[in-house]
Amino acid sequence: MEQILINEFGINPKEVVKINGYDNLNYLIKTSSVNYILKTYDDLSLIDLIVAETKALLFLNNELYPKPISFLNGEKVRIIEINGTSKICRVLSYLDGKFLGEINPTKESIKSFGKSLARLNKTLFNWTDVHIKSRELEWDMQQYRISKSYLNEISSKKAQKIIHYYMNQYEENVVPYFNVLRKSIIHNDANNWNILFKGNNVSGIIDFGDISYSHLINELAIAISYTCFNKEKPLEWALVLLESYNKILSLELKEVEVLYYSVAMRLSMSISISNHYQKLYSDNKYISISQKSAIDLLWKWIKINPIEAENKFKSVLGMKIEKTKSIKEMIKGRKNF
């Protein structure tokens, strides 16, 4: 690996450390002056998507995001031979900071998270790429039926029941509005191991591997899901993130109305997909790193009245609250939880 870095990038490593990855291999490259991240991929069919992701980072061109590092020949992504096997290879700048999952977040740090994520979405809103737009990724909430097909693999019948309930509610309360919800290319994975902090300020947003063309509100739903991990009053933290995000990128009424069930869908998908792949790759502990927190939060989320949540979302954004739903609609299907 050291010789490849020297020959292909002109980087002289002092140390190469393998680090966690979901579906590819990542290495921390330490030199005498700066650090880098080397990423390799076995699936050569991903080349167009990796190139597209790299183009997105070049377009963003901001210190908060990884910067693609050129090979000596000027390319940013190449297929090269490593230990006799062809792999997609690229190097990115290393961003320093502590992960959201490592810190004890404050309301100020979550405000920074919301604003930083909104700036990312605002920058990418009018940017496009044909390969990303045509991507069908199981982690994209539009493709939720894939994770629904994994439900029977979950050993806990109790977990199966609540996920099945929320997926049905998503189909009833969100899917009918797919055509009116704004779409954009989004990061699609603002989780607690992809957001870096220095003090109360976001210092980096990394891992654009799940970048997708999806509903804009999904970005916020994902971020809320991870922000609310291990919180006794998750709705309070959701409101902080929501309000700060909206100050940079204003949300539309229908986006706010589907947010409660979109958060629940992300949690449900996370549990279902990670459970599925943990059984396939039991030695990769990173796959299930957030599973317990997601399950715990889903049980807290079911205790939050969806109409109450929607009204609080609207209130913090200064939107008009319409009293059009009955008490029966508020509690429909929830008496068994």
Protein backbone atom coordinates (compact mmCIF):
# COMPACT_ATOMS: atom_id res chain seq x y z
CA MET A 1 0.00 0.00 0.00
CA GLU A 2 2.85 2.40 0.83
CA GLN A 3 4.43 1.92 -2.60
CA ILE A 4 1.11 2.58 -4.34
CA LEU A 5 0.76 5.87 -2.49
CA ILE A 6 4.26 6.89 -3.50
CA ASN A 7 3.96 5.79 -7.14
CA GLU A 8 0.40 6.96 -7.80
CA PHE A 9 0.06 10.07 -5.62
CA GLY A 10 3.54 11.11 -4.62
CA ILE A 11 2.52 10.68 -0.98
CA ASN A 12 5.17 9.34 1.42
CA PRO A 13 3.25 7.68 4.28
CA LYS A 14 4.65 7.32 7.77
CA GLU A 15 1.76 5.07 8.79
CA VAL A 16 -1.24 3.42 7.09
CA VAL A 17 -4.16 2.52 9.39
CA LYS A 18 -7.23 0.58 8.27
CA ILE A 19 -10.43 2.23 9.54
CA ASN A 20 -14.11 1.34 9.64
CA GLY A 21 -16.14 1.19 6.45
CA TYR A 22 -19.62 0.01 5.52
CA ASP A 23 -19.10 -1.47 2.06
CA ASN A 24 -15.59 -0.42 1.06
CA LEU A 25 -12.11 -0.31 2.58
CA ASN A 26 -10.82 2.93 4.08
CA TYR A 27 -7.33 3.76 5.27
CA LEU A 28 -5.99 6.67 7.29
CA ILE A 29 -2.74 7.79 5.68
CA LYS A 30 -0.43 9.61 8.07
CA THR A 31 2.48 11.65 6.72
CA SER A 32 4.96 13.98 8.41
CA SER A 33 2.81 17.01 7.58
CA VAL A 34 -0.80 16.14 6.67
CA ASN A 35 -3.15 13.16 6.77
CA TYR A 36 -5.30 11.66 4.00
CA ILE A 37 -8.01 9.07 3.54
CA LEU A 38 -7.47 6.33 0.96
CA LYS A 39 -10.65 4.64 -0.25
CA THR A 40 -10.76 1.46 -2.33
CA TYR A 41 -13.74 -0.37 -3.85
CA ASP A 42 -13.88 -3.96 -5.12
CA ASP A 43 -17.02 -3.49 -7.24
CA LEU A 44 -15.72 -1.96 -10.48
CA SER A 45 -19.26 -1.28 -11.69
CA LEU A 46 -19.37 1.58 -9.16
CA ILE A 47 -16.83 3.63 -11.12
CA ASP A 48 -19.38 6.08 -12.61
CA LEU A 49 -20.96 6.72 -9.20
CA ILE A 50 -17.58 7.22 -7.51
CA VAL A 51 -16.63 9.70 -10.24
CA ALA A 52 -19.99 11.47 -9.79
CA GLU A 53 -19.51 11.67 -6.02
CA THR A 54 -16.04 13.11 -6.60
CA LYS A 55 -17.50 15.72 -8.95
CA ALA A 56 -19.97 16.69 -6.23
CA LEU A 57 -17.11 17.26 -3.77
CA LEU A 58 -15.24 19.34 -6.34
CA PHE A 59 -18.38 21.40 -6.92
CA LEU A 60 -18.89 21.95 -3.18
CA ASN A 61 -15.26 23.02 -2.82
CA ASN A 62 -15.47 23.89 0.85
CA GLU A 63 -13.25 23.15 3.84
CA LEU A 64 -16.17 21.38 5.55
CA TYR A 65 -16.09 18.58 2.98
CA PRO A 66 -13.33 16.17 1.91
CA LYS A 67 -11.23 17.42 -0.98
CA PRO A 68 -10.36 14.94 -3.76
CA ILE A 69 -6.59 14.54 -4.14
CA SER A 70 -5.19 14.05 -7.64
CA PHE A 71 -3.18 11.09 -8.83
CA LEU A 72 0.18 12.12 -10.31
CA ASN A 73 -1.43 11.99 -13.77
CA GLY A 74 -4.12 14.47 -12.72
CA GLU A 75 -7.04 12.05 -12.41
CA LYS A 76 -9.14 11.98 -9.25
CA VAL A 77 -10.46 8.40 -9.55
CA ARG A 78 -8.75 5.43 -11.17
CA ILE A 79 -8.92 1.67 -11.38
CA ILE A 80 -5.55 0.30 -10.31
CA GLU A 81 -4.12 -3.07 -9.31
CA ILE A 82 -3.61 -3.67 -5.61
CA ASN A 83 -2.12 -7.01 -4.55
CA GLY A 84 -3.04 -8.53 -7.90
CA THR A 85 -6.68 -7.33 -7.83
CA SER A 86 -8.21 -4.44 -9.76
CA LYS A 87 -9.85 -1.88 -7.47
CA ILE A 88 -11.34 1.58 -7.77
CA CYS A 89 -9.06 3.90 -5.86
CA ARG A 90 -9.07 7.54 -4.73
CA VAL A 91 -7.63 9.71 -1.99
CA LEU A 92 -9.42 12.44 -0.05
CA SER A 93 -8.22 15.07 2.38
CA TYR A 94 -8.54 14.21 6.06
CA LEU A 95 -10.90 16.31 8.17
CA ASP A 96 -10.19 16.67 11.87
CA GLY A 97 -12.68 16.80 14.71
CA LYS A 98 -14.79 14.65 17.00
CA PHE A 99 -17.78 12.75 15.65
CA LEU A 100 -21.31 13.59 16.75
CA GLY A 101 -21.41 10.05 18.17
CA GLU A 102 -18.40 10.81 20.38
CA ILE A 103 -19.46 14.10 21.94
CA ASN A 104 -22.10 15.17 24.42
CA PRO A 105 -23.99 17.52 22.08
CA THR A 106 -25.38 20.83 23.24
CA LYS A 107 -28.22 22.83 21.72
CA GLU A 108 -25.56 25.12 20.21
CA SER A 109 -23.77 22.23 18.49
CA ILE A 110 -27.07 20.95 17.06
CA LYS A 111 -27.85 24.44 15.77
CA SER A 112 -24.50 24.39 13.97
CA PHE A 113 -25.38 20.96 12.58
CA GLY A 114 -28.71 22.21 11.23
CA LYS A 115 -27.20 25.29 9.59
CA SER A 116 -24.27 23.37 8.11
CA LEU A 117 -26.55 20.73 6.62
CA ALA A 118 -28.85 23.38 5.17
CA ARG A 119 -25.90 25.15 3.53
CA LEU A 120 -24.85 21.85 1.98
CA ASN A 121 -28.34 21.27 0.60
CA LYS A 122 -28.67 24.86 -0.60
CA THR A 123 -25.41 24.57 -2.55
CA LEU A 124 -26.35 21.25 -4.15
CA PHE A 125 -29.98 22.17 -4.85
CA ASN A 126 -29.44 23.16 -8.49
CA TRP A 127 -26.46 20.88 -9.12
CA THR A 128 -27.15 17.67 -11.00
CA ASP A 129 -25.48 14.51 -12.29
CA VAL A 130 -27.06 11.86 -14.47
CA HIS A 131 -25.48 8.93 -12.62
CA ILE A 132 -26.64 10.11 -9.21
CA LYS A 133 -30.12 10.95 -10.50
CA SER A 134 -30.54 7.45 -11.94
CA ARG A 135 -29.23 5.69 -8.83
CA GLU A 136 -31.54 3.32 -6.98
CA LEU A 137 -30.08 2.91 -3.50
CA GLU A 138 -31.72 0.91 -0.75
CA TRP A 139 -30.77 3.64 1.75
CA ASP A 140 -32.84 6.16 -0.23
CA MET A 141 -36.25 6.41 1.44
CA GLN A 142 -37.90 6.29 -1.97
CA GLN A 143 -36.69 2.67 -2.09
CA TYR A 144 -38.14 1.76 1.32
CA ARG A 145 -39.78 -1.37 -0.07
CA ILE A 146 -36.36 -3.04 -0.18
CA SER A 147 -35.95 -2.70 3.57
CA LYS A 148 -39.56 -3.74 4.02
CA SER A 149 -38.70 -7.04 2.32
CA TYR A 150 -36.11 -7.69 5.08
CA LEU A 151 -38.62 -7.40 7.92
CA ASN A 152 -39.14 -11.13 8.42
CA GLU A 153 -35.41 -11.51 9.13
CA ILE A 154 -35.72 -9.49 12.34
CA SER A 155 -35.86 -11.96 15.23
CA SER A 156 -37.75 -9.64 17.59
CA LYS A 157 -41.47 -9.80 16.80
CA LYS A 158 -41.93 -6.64 18.83
CA ALA A 159 -39.46 -4.76 16.62
CA GLN A 160 -41.05 -6.25 13.51
CA LYS A 161 -44.44 -4.98 14.63
CA ILE A 162 -43.46 -1.36 15.20
CA ILE A 163 -41.43 -1.17 11.97
CA HIS A 164 -44.29 -2.68 9.99
CA TYR A 165 -46.66 -0.15 11.57
CA TYR A 166 -44.46 2.80 10.67
CA MET A 167 -43.86 1.60 7.13
CA ASN A 168 -47.61 1.33 6.63
CA GLN A 169 -48.06 4.82 8.07
CA TYR A 170 -45.37 6.12 5.72
CA GLU A 171 -47.21 4.61 2.76
CA GLU A 172 -50.43 6.28 3.91
CA ASN A 173 -49.11 9.68 5.00
CA VAL A 174 -46.02 10.34 2.88
CA VAL A 175 -45.95 8.27 -0.33
CA PRO A 176 -49.08 9.93 -1.79
CA TYR A 177 -47.17 13.24 -1.73
CA PHE A 178 -43.98 12.00 -3.41
CA ASN A 179 -44.79 14.03 -6.54
CA VAL A 180 -45.19 17.33 -4.67
CA LEU A 181 -42.21 17.08 -2.34
CA ARG A 182 -39.10 18.89 -3.59
CA LYS A 183 -36.24 16.72 -4.83
CA SER A 184 -32.55 17.40 -4.96
CA ILE A 185 -29.21 15.66 -4.79
CA ILE A 186 -28.61 15.18 -1.06
CA HIS A 187 -25.88 13.71 1.16
CA ASN A 188 -28.40 11.11 2.37
CA ASP A 189 -26.37 9.90 5.36
CA ALA A 190 -25.88 12.71 7.89
CA ASN A 191 -25.42 10.23 10.71
CA ASN A 192 -23.52 10.54 13.97
CA TRP A 193 -20.33 9.08 12.47
CA ASN A 194 -20.29 11.40 9.44
CA ILE A 195 -20.56 14.77 11.21
CA LEU A 196 -17.44 16.21 12.85
CA PHE A 197 -17.25 18.93 15.50
CA LYS A 198 -14.68 21.22 17.02
CA GLY A 199 -16.28 22.60 20.14
CA ASN A 200 -19.87 23.50 19.32
CA ASN A 201 -19.22 24.03 15.62
CA VAL A 202 -19.38 21.55 12.77
CA SER A 203 -15.86 21.07 11.38
CA GLY A 204 -16.66 18.52 8.71
CA ILE A 205 -19.28 16.50 6.87
CA ILE A 206 -17.79 13.33 5.42
CA ASP A 207 -18.72 10.12 3.56
CA PHE A 208 -20.81 11.08 0.55
CA GLY A 209 -21.07 7.41 -0.44
CA ASP A 210 -24.88 7.35 -0.19
CA ILE A 211 -25.37 10.55 -2.19
CA SER A 212 -28.75 10.33 -3.94
CA TYR A 213 -31.36 12.26 -5.85
CA SER A 214 -34.18 12.15 -3.36
CA HIS A 215 -36.73 14.23 -1.49
CA LEU A 216 -35.06 17.17 0.21
CA ILE A 217 -36.92 16.57 3.48
CA ASN A 218 -35.24 13.17 3.76
CA GLU A 219 -31.94 14.91 4.51
CA LEU A 220 -33.43 16.57 7.55
CA ALA A 221 -35.30 13.42 8.64
CA ILE A 222 -32.04 11.48 8.61
CA ALA A 223 -30.22 14.17 10.59
CA ILE A 224 -33.02 14.35 13.17
CA SER A 225 -32.93 10.57 13.59
CA TYR A 226 -29.29 10.58 14.64
CA THR A 227 -29.47 13.84 16.58
CA CYS A 228 -32.18 12.32 18.80
CA PHE A 229 -30.25 9.16 19.67
CA ASN A 230 -30.08 8.61 23.44
CA LYS A 231 -32.19 11.68 24.22
CA GLU A 232 -34.91 11.54 26.87
CA LYS A 233 -36.96 14.18 25.02
CA PRO A 234 -36.14 13.61 21.35
CA LEU A 235 -38.77 16.02 20.02
CA GLU A 236 -37.06 18.95 21.79
CA TRP A 237 -33.79 18.18 20.01
CA ALA A 238 -35.59 17.70 16.69
CA LEU A 239 -37.04 21.19 17.01
CA VAL A 240 -33.59 22.72 17.56
CA LEU A 241 -32.23 21.09 14.40
CA LEU A 242 -35.36 21.92 12.40
CA GLU A 243 -35.41 25.60 13.35
CA SER A 244 -31.71 26.13 12.64
CA TYR A 245 -31.92 24.33 9.28
CA ASN A 246 -34.92 26.44 8.24
CA LYS A 247 -33.03 29.67 8.92
CA ILE A 248 -30.70 28.82 6.03
CA LEU A 249 -33.01 26.86 3.73
CA SER A 250 -36.74 27.44 4.18
CA LEU A 251 -38.93 24.36 4.24
CA GLU A 252 -42.28 24.05 2.51
CA LEU A 253 -45.51 23.22 4.32
CA LYS A 254 -45.92 19.70 2.95
CA GLU A 255 -42.30 18.87 3.84
CA VAL A 256 -43.00 19.77 7.46
CA GLU A 257 -46.24 17.77 7.44
CA VAL A 258 -44.47 14.55 6.39
CA LEU A 259 -41.44 14.99 8.66
CA TYR A 260 -42.67 12.96 11.66
CA TYR A 261 -43.25 9.82 9.57
CA SER A 262 -40.09 10.40 7.53
CA VAL A 263 -38.01 10.27 10.72
CA ALA A 264 -39.76 7.05 11.71
CA MET A 265 -39.10 5.58 8.27
CA ARG A 266 -35.39 6.32 8.44
CA LEU A 267 -35.16 4.62 11.83
CA SER A 268 -37.15 1.65 10.55
CA MET A 269 -34.96 1.32 7.47
CA SER A 270 -31.79 1.59 9.53
CA ILE A 271 -32.88 -1.27 11.78
CA SER A 272 -34.09 -3.47 8.94
CA ILE A 273 -31.14 -2.96 6.57
CA SER A 274 -28.43 -3.19 9.22
CA ASN A 275 -30.01 -6.38 10.60
CA HIS A 276 -30.05 -7.88 7.10
CA TYR A 277 -26.39 -7.11 6.35
CA GLN A 278 -25.15 -7.97 9.83
CA LYS A 279 -26.33 -11.52 9.18
CA LEU A 280 -24.50 -11.58 5.85
CA TYR A 281 -21.30 -9.98 7.16
CA SER A 282 -21.22 -10.85 10.85
CA ASP A 283 -17.54 -9.86 11.21
CA ASN A 284 -18.25 -6.23 10.22
CA LYS A 285 -19.39 -4.62 13.48
CA TYR A 286 -19.64 -1.18 11.85
CA ILE A 287 -22.79 -2.28 10.01
CA SER A 288 -24.83 -2.50 13.21
CA ILE A 289 -23.16 0.34 15.10
CA SER A 290 -26.38 2.38 15.37
CA GLN A 291 -28.96 -0.41 15.50
CA LYS A 292 -29.66 -0.41 19.26
CA SER A 293 -29.95 3.39 19.41
CA ALA A 294 -32.34 3.35 16.45
CA ILE A 295 -34.59 0.76 18.08
CA ASP A 296 -34.61 2.66 21.38
CA LEU A 297 -35.49 5.90 19.63
CA LEU A 298 -38.27 4.29 17.61
CA TRP A 299 -39.97 3.25 20.86
CA LYS A 300 -39.67 6.80 22.16
CA TRP A 301 -40.96 8.18 18.83
CA ILE A 302 -44.15 6.06 19.00
CA LYS A 303 -45.01 7.82 22.27
CA ILE A 304 -45.01 11.20 20.50
CA ASN A 305 -48.39 12.12 19.09
CA PRO A 306 -47.84 12.71 15.34
CA ILE A 307 -50.23 15.65 15.27
CA GLU A 308 -48.55 17.19 18.30
CA ALA A 309 -45.18 16.75 16.58
CA GLU A 310 -46.45 18.30 13.34
CA ASN A 311 -47.93 21.26 15.21
CA LYS A 312 -44.71 21.84 17.12
CA PHE A 313 -42.72 21.64 13.88
CA LYS A 314 -45.00 24.26 12.34
CA SER A 315 -44.99 26.45 15.44
CA VAL A 316 -41.20 26.69 15.67
CA LEU A 317 -41.11 27.67 11.98
CA GLY A 318 -43.89 30.22 12.31
CA MET A 319 -46.31 28.26 10.12
CA LYS A 320 -50.07 28.31 10.58
CA ILE A 321 -51.48 25.34 12.49
CA GLU A 322 -54.64 23.87 10.96
CA LYS A 323 -56.92 22.02 13.39
CA THR A 324 -58.36 19.56 10.88
CA LYS A 325 -57.67 16.16 12.41
CA SER A 326 -59.67 14.45 15.12
CA ILE A 327 -58.44 12.76 18.28
CA LYS A 328 -59.26 9.39 16.71
CA GLU A 329 -56.98 10.16 13.77
CA MET A 330 -54.22 11.12 16.18
CA ILE A 331 -54.20 7.73 17.90
CA LYS A 332 -55.25 5.50 15.00
CA GLY A 333 -53.38 2.19 15.03
CA ARG A 334 -51.26 3.16 18.04
CA LYS A 335 -53.17 1.59 20.93
CA ASN A 336 -51.11 -1.60 20.77
CA PHE A 337 -47.79 0.16 21.41
